[in-house]
Amino acid sequence: MTRTIALTDEERVELEYVRKHDRKPYIRERSAAILKVAAGQIAAHVALYGLLQRRDPDTVYCWLDRYEREGLEGLKIKPGRGRKPAFSPSD
């Protein structure tokens, strides 16, 4: 089964703007991936060959799922994600 996403004209314009102008490179990358899938490219192909860095196809599928659920907010890294500090300078 091929994963697709349908965008309204407003969503497409918003993603195109974010792809070009957002301060955070990871938001620009995720926006570009969503736009490519919306244009008809296969999500797995976008993950492996369509971005500056190869991604696991499941990563792109997660971006698509989160965008469908939450819009642009779904593309942001949530607080608390990632490795926790092993040393705190205040200790």
PDB file of N, CA and C in Angstrom:
ATOM      1  N   MET A   1       0.834  -1.185   0.000  1.00  0.00           N
ATOM      2  CA  MET A   1       0.000   0.000   0.000  1.00  0.00           C
ATOM      3  C   MET A   1       0.880   1.250   0.000  1.00  0.00           C
ATOM      4  N   THR A   2       0.564   2.173  -0.873  1.00  0.00           N
ATOM      5  CA  THR A   2       1.317   3.415  -0.979  1.00  0.00           C
ATOM      6  C   THR A   2       0.690   4.467  -0.082  1.00  0.00           C
ATOM      7  N   ARG A   3       1.520   5.133   0.665  1.00  0.00           N
ATOM      8  CA  ARG A   3       1.047   6.175   1.591  1.00  0.00           C
ATOM      9  C   ARG A   3       0.890   7.493   0.833  1.00  0.00           C
ATOM     10  N   THR A   4      -0.259   8.129   0.989  1.00  0.00           N
ATOM     11  CA  THR A   4      -0.503   9.420   0.361  1.00  0.00           C
ATOM     12  C   THR A   4      -1.005  10.406   1.408  1.00  0.00           C
ATOM     13  N   ILE A   5      -1.001  11.658   1.032  1.00  0.00           N
ATOM     14  CA  ILE A   5      -1.558  12.703   1.891  1.00  0.00           C
ATOM     15  C   ILE A   5      -2.178  13.754   0.971  1.00  0.00           C
ATOM     16  N   ALA A   6      -3.351  14.192   1.322  1.00  0.00           N
ATOM     17  CA  ALA A   6      -4.034  15.240   0.555  1.00  0.00           C
ATOM     18  C   ALA A   6      -3.926  16.550   1.325  1.00  0.00           C
ATOM     19  N   LEU A   7      -3.485  17.586   0.633  1.00  0.00           N
ATOM     20  CA  LEU A   7      -3.331  18.898   1.250  1.00  0.00           C
ATOM     21  C   LEU A   7      -4.312  19.881   0.629  1.00  0.00           C
ATOM     22  N   THR A   8      -4.850  20.759   1.455  1.00  0.00           N
ATOM     23  CA  THR A   8      -5.637  21.865   0.922  1.00  0.00           C
ATOM     24  C   THR A   8      -4.666  22.886   0.327  1.00  0.00           C
ATOM     25  N   ASP A   9      -5.197  23.825  -0.429  1.00  0.00           N
ATOM     26  CA  ASP A   9      -4.334  24.875  -0.981  1.00  0.00           C
ATOM     27  C   ASP A   9      -3.651  25.669   0.126  1.00  0.00           C
ATOM     28  N   GLU A  10      -4.379  25.923   1.220  1.00  0.00           N
ATOM     29  CA  GLU A  10      -3.807  26.679   2.329  1.00  0.00           C
ATOM     30  C   GLU A  10      -2.677  25.905   3.008  1.00  0.00           C
ATOM     31  N   GLU A  11      -2.883  24.601   3.195  1.00  0.00           N
ATOM     32  CA  GLU A  11      -1.838  23.775   3.814  1.00  0.00           C
ATOM     33  C   GLU A  11      -0.598  23.731   2.932  1.00  0.00           C
ATOM     34  N   ARG A  12      -0.793  23.591   1.631  1.00  0.00           N
ATOM     35  CA  ARG A  12       0.338  23.537   0.698  1.00  0.00           C
ATOM     36  C   ARG A  12       1.136  24.844   0.749  1.00  0.00           C
ATOM     37  N   VAL A  13       0.436  25.980   0.723  1.00  0.00           N
ATOM     38  CA  VAL A  13       1.111  27.287   0.770  1.00  0.00           C
ATOM     39  C   VAL A  13       1.878  27.427   2.086  1.00  0.00           C
ATOM     40  N   GLU A  14       1.243  27.032   3.190  1.00  0.00           N
ATOM     41  CA  GLU A  14       1.887  27.128   4.503  1.00  0.00           C
ATOM     42  C   GLU A  14       3.144  26.253   4.556  1.00  0.00           C
ATOM     43  N   LEU A  15       3.049  25.013   4.066  1.00  0.00           N
ATOM     44  CA  LEU A  15       4.216  24.114   4.071  1.00  0.00           C
ATOM     45  C   LEU A  15       5.326  24.634   3.164  1.00  0.00           C
ATOM     46  N   GLU A  16       4.963  25.200   2.017  1.00  0.00           N
ATOM     47  CA  GLU A  16       5.983  25.750   1.121  1.00  0.00           C
ATOM     48  C   GLU A  16       6.705  26.928   1.777  1.00  0.00           C
ATOM     49  N   TYR A  17       5.971  27.759   2.483  1.00  0.00           N
ATOM     50  CA  TYR A  17       6.593  28.879   3.188  1.00  0.00           C
ATOM     51  C   TYR A  17       7.538  28.370   4.282  1.00  0.00           C
ATOM     52  N   VAL A  18       7.053  27.417   5.077  1.00  0.00           N
ATOM     53  CA  VAL A  18       7.863  26.866   6.170  1.00  0.00           C
ATOM     54  C   VAL A  18       9.102  26.167   5.613  1.00  0.00           C
ATOM     55  N   ARG A  19       8.947  25.453   4.507  1.00  0.00           N
ATOM     56  CA  ARG A  19      10.082  24.753   3.892  1.00  0.00           C
ATOM     57  C   ARG A  19      11.198  25.719   3.525  1.00  0.00           C
ATOM     58  N   LYS A  20      10.848  26.919   3.135  1.00  0.00           N
ATOM     59  CA  LYS A  20      11.856  27.901   2.719  1.00  0.00           C
ATOM     60  C   LYS A  20      12.336  28.814   3.839  1.00  0.00           C
ATOM     61  N   HIS A  21      11.495  29.066   4.847  1.00  0.00           N
ATOM     62  CA  HIS A  21      11.802  30.144   5.777  1.00  0.00           C
ATOM     63  C   HIS A  21      11.922  29.778   7.253  1.00  0.00           C
ATOM     64  N   ASP A  22      11.585  28.563   7.649  1.00  0.00           N
ATOM     65  CA  ASP A  22      11.641  28.252   9.078  1.00  0.00           C
ATOM     66  C   ASP A  22      13.080  28.304   9.578  1.00  0.00           C
ATOM     67  N   ARG A  23      13.257  28.739  10.814  1.00  0.00           N
ATOM     68  CA  ARG A  23      14.598  28.834  11.421  1.00  0.00           C
ATOM     69  C   ARG A  23      15.221  27.465  11.622  1.00  0.00           C
ATOM     70  N   LYS A  24      14.400  26.459  11.866  1.00  0.00           N
ATOM     71  CA  LYS A  24      14.908  25.143  12.228  1.00  0.00           C
ATOM     72  C   LYS A  24      15.012  24.231  11.000  1.00  0.00           C
ATOM     73  N   PRO A  25      16.218  23.756  10.710  1.00  0.00           N
ATOM     74  CA  PRO A  25      16.403  22.898   9.534  1.00  0.00           C
ATOM     75  C   PRO A  25      15.534  21.639   9.551  1.00  0.00           C
ATOM     76  N   TYR A  26      15.311  21.060  10.728  1.00  0.00           N
ATOM     77  CA  TYR A  26      14.531  19.827  10.764  1.00  0.00           C
ATOM     78  C   TYR A  26      13.070  20.083  10.376  1.00  0.00           C
ATOM     79  N   ILE A  27      12.543  21.255  10.668  1.00  0.00           N
ATOM     80  CA  ILE A  27      11.178  21.603  10.250  1.00  0.00           C
ATOM     81  C   ILE A  27      11.144  21.773   8.729  1.00  0.00           C
ATOM     82  N   ARG A  28      12.170  22.404   8.172  1.00  0.00           N
ATOM     83  CA  ARG A  28      12.241  22.565   6.714  1.00  0.00           C
ATOM     84  C   ARG A  28      12.297  21.205   6.027  1.00  0.00           C
ATOM     85  N   GLU A  29      13.082  20.284   6.588  1.00  0.00           N
ATOM     86  CA  GLU A  29      13.203  18.944   6.006  1.00  0.00           C
ATOM     87  C   GLU A  29      11.872  18.196   6.059  1.00  0.00           C
ATOM     88  N   ARG A  30      11.198  18.244   7.181  1.00  0.00           N
ATOM     89  CA  ARG A  30       9.936  17.525   7.343  1.00  0.00           C
ATOM     90  C   ARG A  30       8.862  18.110   6.424  1.00  0.00           C
ATOM     91  N   SER A  31       8.846  19.420   6.297  1.00  0.00           N
ATOM     92  CA  SER A  31       7.897  20.067   5.391  1.00  0.00           C
ATOM     93  C   SER A  31       8.150  19.642   3.947  1.00  0.00           C
ATOM     94  N   ALA A  32       9.418  19.603   3.560  1.00  0.00           N
ATOM     95  CA  ALA A  32       9.768  19.182   2.201  1.00  0.00           C
ATOM     96  C   ALA A  32       9.319  17.750   1.939  1.00  0.00           C
ATOM     97  N   ALA A  33       9.510  16.877   2.909  1.00  0.00           N
ATOM     98  CA  ALA A  33       9.103  15.481   2.743  1.00  0.00           C
ATOM     99  C   ALA A  33       7.592  15.375   2.549  1.00  0.00           C
ATOM    100  N   ILE A  34       6.838  16.100   3.345  1.00  0.00           N
ATOM    101  CA  ILE A  34       5.380  16.054   3.235  1.00  0.00           C
ATOM    102  C   ILE A  34       4.928  16.594   1.880  1.00  0.00           C
ATOM    103  N   LEU A  35       5.533  17.675   1.429  1.00  0.00           N
ATOM    104  CA  LEU A  35       5.182  18.226   0.128  1.00  0.00           C
ATOM    105  C   LEU A  35       5.481  17.245  -1.006  1.00  0.00           C
ATOM    106  N   LYS A  36       6.586  16.535  -0.913  1.00  0.00           N
ATOM    107  CA  LYS A  36       6.932  15.563  -1.953  1.00  0.00           C
ATOM    108  C   LYS A  36       5.939  14.405  -1.987  1.00  0.00           C
ATOM    109  N   VAL A  37       5.544  13.923  -0.836  1.00  0.00           N
ATOM    110  CA  VAL A  37       4.559  12.839  -0.784  1.00  0.00           C
ATOM    111  C   VAL A  37       3.216  13.344  -1.311  1.00  0.00           C
ATOM    112  N   ALA A  38       2.841  14.564  -0.948  1.00  0.00           N
ATOM    113  CA  ALA A  38       1.581  15.141  -1.434  1.00  0.00           C
ATOM    114  C   ALA A  38       1.599  15.309  -2.953  1.00  0.00           C
ATOM    115  N   ALA A  39       2.796  15.513  -3.529  1.00  0.00           N
ATOM    116  CA  ALA A  39       2.932  15.673  -4.982  1.00  0.00           C
ATOM    117  C   ALA A  39       2.910  14.340  -5.716  1.00  0.00           C
ATOM    118  N   GLY A  40       2.824  13.236  -4.979  1.00  0.00           N
ATOM    119  CA  GLY A  40       2.700  11.932  -5.624  1.00  0.00           C
ATOM    120  C   GLY A  40       3.908  11.028  -5.515  1.00  0.00           C
ATOM    121  N   GLN A  41       4.976  11.491  -4.880  1.00  0.00           N
ATOM    122  CA  GLN A  41       6.138  10.622  -4.719  1.00  0.00           C
ATOM    123  C   GLN A  41       5.865   9.595  -3.628  1.00  0.00           C
ATOM    124  N   ILE A  42       6.488   8.450  -3.751  1.00  0.00           N
ATOM    125  CA  ILE A  42       6.328   7.380  -2.769  1.00  0.00           C
ATOM    126  C   ILE A  42       7.121   7.753  -1.516  1.00  0.00           C
ATOM    127  N   ALA A  43       6.472   7.646  -0.358  1.00  0.00           N
ATOM    128  CA  ALA A  43       7.081   8.070   0.905  1.00  0.00           C
ATOM    129  C   ALA A  43       8.405   7.357   1.168  1.00  0.00           C
ATOM    130  N   ALA A  44       8.481   6.064   0.905  1.00  0.00           N
ATOM    131  CA  ALA A  44       9.728   5.330   1.138  1.00  0.00           C
ATOM    132  C   ALA A  44      10.837   5.850   0.227  1.00  0.00           C
ATOM    133  N   HIS A  45      10.500   6.196  -1.003  1.00  0.00           N
ATOM    134  CA  HIS A  45      11.500   6.735  -1.931  1.00  0.00           C
ATOM    135  C   HIS A  45      11.964   8.109  -1.463  1.00  0.00           C
ATOM    136  N   VAL A  46      11.034   8.925  -0.987  1.00  0.00           N
ATOM    137  CA  VAL A  46      11.402  10.241  -0.434  1.00  0.00           C
ATOM    138  C   VAL A  46      12.366  10.056   0.730  1.00  0.00           C
ATOM    139  N   ALA A  47      12.077   9.098   1.614  1.00  0.00           N
ATOM    140  CA  ALA A  47      12.924   8.857   2.788  1.00  0.00           C
ATOM    141  C   ALA A  47      14.340   8.452   2.382  1.00  0.00           C
ATOM    142  N   LEU A  48      14.443   7.603   1.387  1.00  0.00           N
ATOM    143  CA  LEU A  48      15.753   7.057   1.018  1.00  0.00           C
ATOM    144  C   LEU A  48      16.533   7.935   0.044  1.00  0.00           C
ATOM    145  N   TYR A  49      15.819   8.651  -0.830  1.00  0.00           N
ATOM    146  CA  TYR A  49      16.518   9.370  -1.905  1.00  0.00           C
ATOM    147  C   TYR A  49      16.096  10.822  -2.088  1.00  0.00           C
ATOM    148  N   GLY A  50      15.034  11.273  -1.439  1.00  0.00           N
ATOM    149  CA  GLY A  50      14.489  12.580  -1.736  1.00  0.00           C
ATOM    150  C   GLY A  50      14.867  13.691  -0.780  1.00  0.00           C
ATOM    151  N   LEU A  51      15.628  13.381   0.251  1.00  0.00           N
ATOM    152  CA  LEU A  51      16.023  14.388   1.237  1.00  0.00           C
ATOM    153  C   LEU A  51      17.538  14.502   1.253  1.00  0.00           C
ATOM    154  N   LEU A  52      18.048  15.521   1.919  1.00  0.00           N
ATOM    155  CA  LEU A  52      19.502  15.688   1.968  1.00  0.00           C
ATOM    156  C   LEU A  52      20.181  14.525   2.668  1.00  0.00           C
ATOM    157  N   GLN A  53      19.528  13.979   3.661  1.00  0.00           N
ATOM    158  CA  GLN A  53      20.059  12.841   4.411  1.00  0.00           C
ATOM    159  C   GLN A  53      19.054  11.702   4.325  1.00  0.00           C
ATOM    160  N   ARG A  54      19.549  10.486   4.144  1.00  0.00           N
ATOM    161  CA  ARG A  54      18.661   9.323   4.089  1.00  0.00           C
ATOM    162  C   ARG A  54      17.974   9.140   5.431  1.00  0.00           C
ATOM    163  N   ARG A  55      16.710   8.792   5.371  1.00  0.00           N
ATOM    164  CA  ARG A  55      15.909   8.527   6.566  1.00  0.00           C
ATOM    165  C   ARG A  55      15.279   7.157   6.446  1.00  0.00           C
ATOM    166  N   ASP A  56      14.967   6.574   7.577  1.00  0.00           N
ATOM    167  CA  ASP A  56      14.198   5.344   7.585  1.00  0.00           C
ATOM    168  C   ASP A  56      12.798   5.685   7.078  1.00  0.00           C
ATOM    169  N   PRO A  57      12.229   4.888   6.181  1.00  0.00           N
ATOM    170  CA  PRO A  57      10.874   5.186   5.704  1.00  0.00           C
ATOM    171  C   PRO A  57       9.857   5.332   6.833  1.00  0.00           C
ATOM    172  N   ASP A  58      10.012   4.563   7.911  1.00  0.00           N
ATOM    173  CA  ASP A  58       9.085   4.687   9.039  1.00  0.00           C
ATOM    174  C   ASP A  58       9.128   6.088   9.653  1.00  0.00           C
ATOM    175  N   THR A  59      10.279   6.737   9.583  1.00  0.00           N
ATOM    176  CA  THR A  59      10.403   8.102  10.096  1.00  0.00           C
ATOM    177  C   THR A  59       9.512   9.042   9.300  1.00  0.00           C
ATOM    178  N   VAL A  60       9.548   8.930   7.979  1.00  0.00           N
ATOM    179  CA  VAL A  60       8.712   9.785   7.133  1.00  0.00           C
ATOM    180  C   VAL A  60       7.239   9.460   7.355  1.00  0.00           C
ATOM    181  N   TYR A  61       6.908   8.184   7.522  1.00  0.00           N
ATOM    182  CA  TYR A  61       5.512   7.817   7.803  1.00  0.00           C
ATOM    183  C   TYR A  61       5.046   8.453   9.114  1.00  0.00           C
ATOM    184  N   CYS A  62       5.913   8.499  10.110  1.00  0.00           N
ATOM    185  CA  CYS A  62       5.568   9.141  11.392  1.00  0.00           C
ATOM    186  C   CYS A  62       5.340  10.633  11.202  1.00  0.00           C
ATOM    187  N   TRP A  63       6.192  11.283  10.401  1.00  0.00           N
ATOM    188  CA  TRP A  63       5.997  12.708  10.130  1.00  0.00           C
ATOM    189  C   TRP A  63       4.641  12.940   9.482  1.00  0.00           C
ATOM    190  N   LEU A  64       4.274  12.084   8.528  1.00  0.00           N
ATOM    191  CA  LEU A  64       2.985  12.219   7.849  1.00  0.00           C
ATOM    192  C   LEU A  64       1.829  12.044   8.838  1.00  0.00           C
ATOM    193  N   ASP A  65       1.930  11.022   9.682  1.00  0.00           N
ATOM    194  CA  ASP A  65       0.881  10.774  10.677  1.00  0.00           C
ATOM    195  C   ASP A  65       0.719  11.967  11.611  1.00  0.00           C
ATOM    196  N   ARG A  66       1.847  12.470  12.108  1.00  0.00           N
ATOM    197  CA  ARG A  66       1.787  13.591  13.052  1.00  0.00           C
ATOM    198  C   ARG A  66       1.264  14.856  12.380  1.00  0.00           C
ATOM    199  N   TYR A  67       1.640  15.077  11.116  1.00  0.00           N
ATOM    200  CA  TYR A  67       1.134  16.251  10.409  1.00  0.00           C
ATOM    201  C   TYR A  67      -0.384  16.139  10.222  1.00  0.00           C
ATOM    202  N   GLU A  68      -0.862  14.955   9.869  1.00  0.00           N
ATOM    203  CA  GLU A  68      -2.305  14.778   9.689  1.00  0.00           C
ATOM    204  C   GLU A  68      -3.076  15.001  10.988  1.00  0.00           C
ATOM    205  N   ARG A  69      -2.492  14.588  12.113  1.00  0.00           N
ATOM    206  CA  ARG A  69      -3.162  14.747  13.409  1.00  0.00           C
ATOM    207  C   ARG A  69      -3.085  16.166  13.948  1.00  0.00           C
ATOM    208  N   GLU A  70      -1.884  16.798  13.838  1.00  0.00           N
ATOM    209  CA  GLU A  70      -1.617  18.036  14.566  1.00  0.00           C
ATOM    210  C   GLU A  70      -1.254  19.235  13.702  1.00  0.00           C
ATOM    211  N   GLY A  71      -1.144  19.050  12.402  1.00  0.00           N
ATOM    212  CA  GLY A  71      -0.712  20.148  11.533  1.00  0.00           C
ATOM    213  C   GLY A  71       0.770  20.447  11.749  1.00  0.00           C
ATOM    214  N   LEU A  72       1.158  21.701  11.570  1.00  0.00           N
ATOM    215  CA  LEU A  72       2.570  22.078  11.713  1.00  0.00           C
ATOM    216  C   LEU A  72       3.123  21.795  13.103  1.00  0.00           C
ATOM    217  N   GLU A  73       2.297  21.887  14.111  1.00  0.00           N
ATOM    218  CA  GLU A  73       2.749  21.590  15.478  1.00  0.00           C
ATOM    219  C   GLU A  73       3.261  20.160  15.584  1.00  0.00           C
ATOM    220  N   GLY A  74       2.702  19.268  14.793  1.00  0.00           N
ATOM    221  CA  GLY A  74       3.124  17.870  14.813  1.00  0.00           C
ATOM    222  C   GLY A  74       4.521  17.652  14.264  1.00  0.00           C
ATOM    223  N   LEU A  75       5.052  18.617  13.547  1.00  0.00           N
ATOM    224  CA  LEU A  75       6.398  18.483  12.987  1.00  0.00           C
ATOM    225  C   LEU A  75       7.486  18.900  13.965  1.00  0.00           C
ATOM    226  N   LYS A  76       7.094  19.564  15.038  1.00  0.00           N
ATOM    227  CA  LYS A  76       8.080  20.038  16.015  1.00  0.00           C
ATOM    228  C   LYS A  76       8.477  18.919  16.969  1.00  0.00           C
ATOM    229  N   ILE A  77       9.720  18.992  17.449  1.00  0.00           N
ATOM    230  CA  ILE A  77      10.194  18.041  18.455  1.00  0.00           C
ATOM    231  C   ILE A  77       9.574  18.445  19.781  1.00  0.00           C
ATOM    232  N   LYS A  78       8.955  17.496  20.433  1.00  0.00           N
ATOM    233  CA  LYS A  78       8.262  17.768  21.690  1.00  0.00           C
ATOM    234  C   LYS A  78       9.256  17.891  22.846  1.00  0.00           C
ATOM    235  N   PRO A  79       8.956  18.729  23.837  1.00  0.00           N
ATOM    236  CA  PRO A  79       9.823  18.829  25.016  1.00  0.00           C
ATOM    237  C   PRO A  79       9.919  17.473  25.712  1.00  0.00           C
ATOM    238  N   GLY A  80      11.091  17.184  26.212  1.00  0.00           N
ATOM    239  CA  GLY A  80      11.290  15.925  26.912  1.00  0.00           C
ATOM    240  C   GLY A  80      11.794  14.799  26.031  1.00  0.00           C
ATOM    241  N   ARG A  81      11.859  15.034  24.706  1.00  0.00           N
ATOM    242  CA  ARG A  81      12.359  14.010  23.799  1.00  0.00           C
ATOM    243  C   ARG A  81      13.885  14.025  23.810  1.00  0.00           C
ATOM    244  N   GLY A  82      14.472  12.910  23.471  1.00  0.00           N
ATOM    245  CA  GLY A  82      15.925  12.857  23.352  1.00  0.00           C
ATOM    246  C   GLY A  82      16.614  12.390  24.621  1.00  0.00           C
ATOM    247  N   ARG A  83      17.923  12.370  24.549  1.00  0.00           N
ATOM    248  CA  ARG A  83      18.747  11.887  25.654  1.00  0.00           C
ATOM    249  C   ARG A  83      18.731  12.892  26.801  1.00  0.00           C
ATOM    250  N   LYS A  84      18.593  12.376  27.989  1.00  0.00           N
ATOM    251  CA  LYS A  84      18.620  13.229  29.179  1.00  0.00           C
ATOM    252  C   LYS A  84      20.063  13.494  29.587  1.00  0.00           C
ATOM    253  N   PRO A  85      20.359  14.663  30.145  1.00  0.00           N
ATOM    254  CA  PRO A  85      21.729  14.964  30.520  1.00  0.00           C
ATOM    255  C   PRO A  85      22.238  13.996  31.599  1.00  0.00           C
ATOM    256  N   ALA A  86      23.484  13.570  31.437  1.00  0.00           N
ATOM    257  CA  ALA A  86      24.086  12.659  32.416  1.00  0.00           C
ATOM    258  C   ALA A  86      24.712  13.452  33.555  1.00  0.00           C
ATOM    259  N   PHE A  87      24.961  14.728  33.330  1.00  0.00           N
ATOM    260  CA  PHE A  87      25.608  15.586  34.332  1.00  0.00           C
ATOM    261  C   PHE A  87      24.946  16.953  34.287  1.00  0.00           C
ATOM    262  N   SER A  88      24.636  17.465  35.429  1.00  0.00           N
ATOM    263  CA  SER A  88      24.036  18.795  35.510  1.00  0.00           C
ATOM    264  C   SER A  88      25.040  19.736  36.167  1.00  0.00           C
ATOM    265  N   PRO A  89      25.356  20.858  35.531  1.00  0.00           N
ATOM    266  CA  PRO A  89      26.332  21.789  36.109  1.00  0.00           C
ATOM    267  C   PRO A  89      25.911  22.339  37.461  1.00  0.00           C
ATOM    268  N   SER A  90      24.637  22.333  37.786  1.00  0.00           N
ATOM    269  CA  SER A  90      24.175  22.859  39.066  1.00  0.00           C
ATOM    270  C   SER A  90      24.397  21.882  40.221  1.00  0.00           C
ATOM    271  N   ASP A  91      24.754  20.634  39.930  1.00  0.00           N
ATOM    272  CA  ASP A  91      24.965  19.634  40.987  1.00  0.00           C
ATOM    273  C   ASP A  91      26.272  19.845  41.704  1.00  0.00           C
TER     274      ASP A  91
END
